[in-house]
Amino acid sequence: MIRSELVARITAQNPHLYEHEIDALVKAIFNRISQALARGDRVELRGFGAFEVRHREARAARNPRTGQAVQVEARTAIHFKPGKAMRAQLNHAKINPE
C-alpha cells in the first residue's frame, strides 16, 4: 500500500473529513516518525510495532558475482519489529493474492 492508497482508505472510512485534511495528517505523522528516527529515538506504536535506528559497523564482504572482496562502509539502518497484535493478526490471516 502506498501513502495515497492509505489516504483514500481513511477518507472512505471517514466521509465527514476532507481528503486534503487526512493527507496533511498522514504526512505530519510520517514526518514526526522520520524526525524522531533521525534524532536516534525509538518510535513505538502499540499494537503495530516499533521502529529503531541501528548502526552497522564497517565490514569486509564479497561480491557474489565475482567473489572479489569489497569493503562495506559503516551505515545507519532502520529496524522494524512488529508488535504482538500485528504478529497474531498476520499469523492467523488468510493472504489473498490480488
N, C-alpha and C. Protein backbone atom coordinates (compact mmCIF):
# COMPACT_ATOMS: atom_id res chain seq x y z
N MET A 1 0.85 -1.17 0.00
CA MET A 1 0.00 0.00 0.00
C MET A 1 0.89 1.23 0.00
N ILE A 2 0.55 2.18 -0.83
CA ILE A 2 1.28 3.43 -0.87
C ILE A 2 0.49 4.50 -0.11
N ARG A 3 1.16 5.62 0.16
CA ARG A 3 0.55 6.65 1.00
C ARG A 3 -0.78 7.14 0.45
N SER A 4 -0.89 7.34 -0.86
CA SER A 4 -2.14 7.83 -1.44
C SER A 4 -3.27 6.82 -1.25
N GLU A 5 -2.95 5.52 -1.29
CA GLU A 5 -3.98 4.50 -1.03
C GLU A 5 -4.43 4.54 0.43
N LEU A 6 -3.48 4.76 1.32
CA LEU A 6 -3.81 4.88 2.74
C LEU A 6 -4.75 6.06 2.96
N VAL A 7 -4.43 7.19 2.36
CA VAL A 7 -5.27 8.39 2.49
C VAL A 7 -6.66 8.11 1.91
N ALA A 8 -6.72 7.45 0.77
CA ALA A 8 -8.02 7.15 0.14
C ALA A 8 -8.86 6.23 1.02
N ARG A 9 -8.25 5.24 1.64
CA ARG A 9 -9.00 4.32 2.51
C ARG A 9 -9.50 5.02 3.77
N ILE A 10 -8.67 5.86 4.36
CA ILE A 10 -9.10 6.60 5.55
C ILE A 10 -10.22 7.56 5.19
N THR A 11 -10.11 8.20 4.03
CA THR A 11 -11.16 9.11 3.57
C THR A 11 -12.48 8.36 3.37
N ALA A 12 -12.41 7.17 2.80
CA ALA A 12 -13.62 6.38 2.58
C ALA A 12 -14.27 5.98 3.91
N GLN A 13 -13.47 5.73 4.93
CA GLN A 13 -14.00 5.34 6.23
C GLN A 13 -14.50 6.54 7.04
N ASN A 14 -14.07 7.73 6.67
CA ASN A 14 -14.45 8.94 7.40
C ASN A 14 -14.97 9.99 6.42
N PRO A 15 -16.18 9.81 5.90
CA PRO A 15 -16.69 10.74 4.88
C PRO A 15 -16.92 12.16 5.39
N HIS A 16 -16.93 12.35 6.70
CA HIS A 16 -17.11 13.69 7.26
C HIS A 16 -15.83 14.52 7.23
N LEU A 17 -14.70 13.90 6.86
CA LEU A 17 -13.42 14.61 6.76
C LEU A 17 -13.04 14.79 5.30
N TYR A 18 -12.34 15.88 5.02
CA TYR A 18 -11.88 16.15 3.66
C TYR A 18 -10.59 15.38 3.40
N GLU A 19 -10.39 14.99 2.14
CA GLU A 19 -9.20 14.23 1.76
C GLU A 19 -7.93 15.01 2.03
N HIS A 20 -7.93 16.33 1.75
CA HIS A 20 -6.72 17.12 1.97
C HIS A 20 -6.36 17.21 3.46
N GLU A 21 -7.36 17.15 4.34
CA GLU A 21 -7.08 17.16 5.78
C GLU A 21 -6.42 15.84 6.21
N ILE A 22 -6.94 14.74 5.69
CA ILE A 22 -6.37 13.44 6.02
C ILE A 22 -4.97 13.32 5.45
N ASP A 23 -4.77 13.82 4.23
CA ASP A 23 -3.44 13.78 3.61
C ASP A 23 -2.44 14.56 4.46
N ALA A 24 -2.84 15.73 4.94
CA ALA A 24 -1.96 16.55 5.78
C ALA A 24 -1.65 15.83 7.10
N LEU A 25 -2.65 15.15 7.65
CA LEU A 25 -2.45 14.41 8.90
C LEU A 25 -1.49 13.25 8.71
N VAL A 26 -1.67 12.48 7.64
CA VAL A 26 -0.78 11.34 7.37
C VAL A 26 0.65 11.84 7.14
N LYS A 27 0.81 12.92 6.37
CA LYS A 27 2.14 13.49 6.15
C LYS A 27 2.77 13.92 7.46
N ALA A 28 1.99 14.56 8.34
CA ALA A 28 2.51 15.03 9.62
C ALA A 28 2.97 13.86 10.49
N ILE A 29 2.20 12.78 10.51
CA ILE A 29 2.58 11.60 11.30
C ILE A 29 3.88 11.01 10.77
N PHE A 30 3.96 10.82 9.46
CA PHE A 30 5.17 10.25 8.87
C PHE A 30 6.38 11.16 9.09
N ASN A 31 6.17 12.48 9.01
CA ASN A 31 7.28 13.42 9.24
C ASN A 31 7.76 13.33 10.69
N ARG A 32 6.85 13.23 11.64
CA ARG A 32 7.24 13.11 13.05
C ARG A 32 8.03 11.83 13.30
N ILE A 33 7.58 10.74 12.70
CA ILE A 33 8.31 9.47 12.85
C ILE A 33 9.70 9.60 12.24
N SER A 34 9.80 10.20 11.06
CA SER A 34 11.11 10.38 10.40
C SER A 34 12.03 11.26 11.23
N GLN A 35 11.49 12.34 11.79
CA GLN A 35 12.31 13.24 12.60
C GLN A 35 12.81 12.54 13.86
N ALA A 36 11.95 11.74 14.49
CA ALA A 36 12.36 11.02 15.69
C ALA A 36 13.46 10.02 15.37
N LEU A 37 13.33 9.31 14.26
CA LEU A 37 14.35 8.34 13.88
C LEU A 37 15.66 9.04 13.52
N ALA A 38 15.58 10.21 12.89
CA ALA A 38 16.77 10.97 12.53
C ALA A 38 17.52 11.42 13.79
N ARG A 39 16.78 11.67 14.88
CA ARG A 39 17.41 12.02 16.16
C ARG A 39 17.98 10.80 16.87
N GLY A 40 17.64 9.61 16.37
CA GLY A 40 18.10 8.38 17.01
C GLY A 40 17.13 7.83 18.03
N ASP A 41 15.92 8.41 18.09
CA ASP A 41 14.91 7.93 19.03
C ASP A 41 14.24 6.66 18.51
N ARG A 42 13.65 5.93 19.43
CA ARG A 42 12.87 4.74 19.10
C ARG A 42 11.41 5.17 19.01
N VAL A 43 10.70 4.69 17.99
CA VAL A 43 9.30 5.02 17.80
C VAL A 43 8.48 3.75 17.98
N GLU A 44 7.60 3.75 18.98
CA GLU A 44 6.77 2.58 19.26
C GLU A 44 5.31 2.93 19.07
N LEU A 45 4.63 2.16 18.23
CA LEU A 45 3.20 2.32 18.01
C LEU A 45 2.55 1.04 18.54
N ARG A 46 1.95 1.14 19.70
CA ARG A 46 1.38 -0.03 20.38
C ARG A 46 0.43 -0.80 19.46
N GLY A 47 0.59 -2.10 19.43
CA GLY A 47 -0.24 -2.95 18.59
C GLY A 47 0.25 -3.05 17.16
N PHE A 48 1.08 -2.09 16.73
CA PHE A 48 1.59 -2.10 15.36
C PHE A 48 3.03 -2.59 15.34
N GLY A 49 3.90 -1.87 16.06
CA GLY A 49 5.30 -2.27 16.09
C GLY A 49 6.19 -1.13 16.52
N ALA A 50 7.49 -1.37 16.44
CA ALA A 50 8.47 -0.37 16.87
C ALA A 50 9.54 -0.20 15.80
N PHE A 51 9.91 1.05 15.57
CA PHE A 51 11.00 1.40 14.67
C PHE A 51 12.17 1.85 15.52
N GLU A 52 13.36 1.42 15.15
CA GLU A 52 14.55 1.92 15.84
C GLU A 52 15.71 2.01 14.87
N VAL A 53 16.66 2.85 15.23
CA VAL A 53 17.84 3.06 14.40
C VAL A 53 18.94 2.13 14.90
N ARG A 54 19.56 1.44 13.98
CA ARG A 54 20.69 0.57 14.32
C ARG A 54 21.89 0.99 13.50
N HIS A 55 23.04 0.96 14.15
CA HIS A 55 24.29 1.33 13.49
C HIS A 55 25.02 0.07 13.07
N ARG A 56 25.36 0.00 11.80
CA ARG A 56 26.09 -1.14 11.25
C ARG A 56 27.55 -0.75 11.11
N GLU A 57 28.43 -1.57 11.63
CA GLU A 57 29.87 -1.31 11.54
C GLU A 57 30.37 -1.59 10.13
N ALA A 58 31.50 -0.99 9.80
CA ALA A 58 32.15 -1.28 8.53
C ALA A 58 32.61 -2.74 8.55
N ARG A 59 32.59 -3.38 7.40
CA ARG A 59 32.98 -4.79 7.36
C ARG A 59 33.49 -5.15 5.98
N ALA A 60 34.14 -6.29 5.92
CA ALA A 60 34.60 -6.83 4.65
C ALA A 60 33.54 -7.81 4.15
N ALA A 61 33.22 -7.74 2.86
CA ALA A 61 32.23 -8.63 2.27
C ALA A 61 32.77 -9.12 0.93
N ARG A 62 31.98 -9.94 0.27
CA ARG A 62 32.38 -10.46 -1.04
C ARG A 62 31.31 -10.13 -2.07
N ASN A 63 31.75 -9.79 -3.28
CA ASN A 63 30.84 -9.59 -4.39
C ASN A 63 30.36 -10.98 -4.81
N PRO A 64 29.06 -11.25 -4.74
CA PRO A 64 28.58 -12.61 -5.04
C PRO A 64 28.80 -13.02 -6.49
N ARG A 65 28.89 -12.05 -7.38
CA ARG A 65 29.08 -12.37 -8.80
C ARG A 65 30.52 -12.75 -9.11
N THR A 66 31.47 -12.00 -8.54
CA THR A 66 32.88 -12.24 -8.87
C THR A 66 33.66 -12.92 -7.76
N GLY A 67 33.15 -12.85 -6.53
CA GLY A 67 33.87 -13.42 -5.41
C GLY A 67 34.95 -12.49 -4.88
N GLN A 68 35.07 -11.32 -5.46
CA GLN A 68 36.09 -10.35 -5.06
C GLN A 68 35.73 -9.72 -3.72
N ALA A 69 36.73 -9.51 -2.86
CA ALA A 69 36.50 -8.88 -1.56
C ALA A 69 36.23 -7.39 -1.76
N VAL A 70 35.23 -6.89 -1.03
CA VAL A 70 34.89 -5.47 -1.06
C VAL A 70 34.71 -4.98 0.37
N GLN A 71 34.98 -3.70 0.55
CA GLN A 71 34.81 -3.09 1.87
C GLN A 71 33.46 -2.40 1.91
N VAL A 72 32.63 -2.75 2.90
CA VAL A 72 31.33 -2.12 3.08
C VAL A 72 31.48 -1.08 4.18
N GLU A 73 31.09 0.15 3.88
CA GLU A 73 31.23 1.24 4.84
C GLU A 73 30.21 1.10 5.98
N ALA A 74 30.51 1.76 7.09
CA ALA A 74 29.57 1.80 8.21
C ALA A 74 28.34 2.58 7.77
N ARG A 75 27.18 2.18 8.31
CA ARG A 75 25.96 2.87 7.92
C ARG A 75 24.94 2.79 9.04
N THR A 76 23.90 3.56 8.89
CA THR A 76 22.79 3.55 9.83
C THR A 76 21.59 2.96 9.11
N ALA A 77 20.88 2.06 9.78
CA ALA A 77 19.72 1.41 9.17
C ALA A 77 18.54 1.49 10.13
N ILE A 78 17.35 1.43 9.56
CA ILE A 78 16.12 1.42 10.36
C ILE A 78 15.68 -0.03 10.51
N HIS A 79 15.36 -0.40 11.73
CA HIS A 79 14.88 -1.75 12.02
C HIS A 79 13.44 -1.65 12.50
N PHE A 80 12.58 -2.54 12.00
CA PHE A 80 11.17 -2.58 12.42
C PHE A 80 10.90 -3.91 13.07
N LYS A 81 10.30 -3.86 14.24
CA LYS A 81 9.89 -5.07 14.94
C LYS A 81 8.38 -5.01 15.09
N PRO A 82 7.66 -5.94 14.46
CA PRO A 82 6.19 -5.91 14.57
C PRO A 82 5.73 -6.17 15.99
N GLY A 83 4.62 -5.55 16.37
CA GLY A 83 4.03 -5.73 17.68
C GLY A 83 3.34 -7.08 17.80
N LYS A 84 3.04 -7.44 19.02
CA LYS A 84 2.40 -8.73 19.29
C LYS A 84 1.06 -8.87 18.57
N ALA A 85 0.26 -7.81 18.58
CA ALA A 85 -1.06 -7.86 17.93
C ALA A 85 -0.91 -8.02 16.42
N MET A 86 0.07 -7.34 15.83
CA MET A 86 0.27 -7.46 14.39
C MET A 86 0.74 -8.86 14.01
N ARG A 87 1.67 -9.41 14.79
CA ARG A 87 2.15 -10.78 14.52
C ARG A 87 1.00 -11.77 14.61
N ALA A 88 0.14 -11.62 15.61
CA ALA A 88 -1.00 -12.52 15.76
C ALA A 88 -1.95 -12.38 14.58
N GLN A 89 -2.20 -11.16 14.15
CA GLN A 89 -3.10 -10.93 13.03
C GLN A 89 -2.53 -11.51 11.74
N LEU A 90 -1.23 -11.34 11.52
CA LEU A 90 -0.61 -11.87 10.31
C LEU A 90 -0.55 -13.39 10.31
N ASN A 91 -0.34 -13.99 11.46
CA ASN A 91 -0.24 -15.44 11.52
C ASN A 91 -1.59 -16.13 11.37
N HIS A 92 -2.67 -15.42 11.64
CA HIS A 92 -4.00 -16.01 11.51
C HIS A 92 -4.75 -15.53 10.28
N ALA A 93 -4.15 -14.61 9.54
CA ALA A 93 -4.83 -14.05 8.35
C ALA A 93 -4.63 -14.96 7.15
N LYS A 94 -5.65 -15.01 6.32
CA LYS A 94 -5.52 -15.70 5.04
C LYS A 94 -5.11 -14.67 4.02
N ILE A 95 -3.99 -14.90 3.37
CA ILE A 95 -3.47 -13.94 2.41
C ILE A 95 -4.03 -14.27 1.03
N ASN A 96 -4.74 -13.30 0.44
CA ASN A 96 -5.32 -13.48 -0.88
C ASN A 96 -4.53 -12.67 -1.88
N PRO A 97 -3.83 -13.32 -2.82
CA PRO A 97 -3.09 -12.54 -3.83
C PRO A 97 -4.08 -11.82 -4.74
N GLU A 98 -3.77 -10.58 -5.05
CA GLU A 98 -4.68 -9.79 -5.90
C GLU A 98 -4.23 -9.79 -7.32
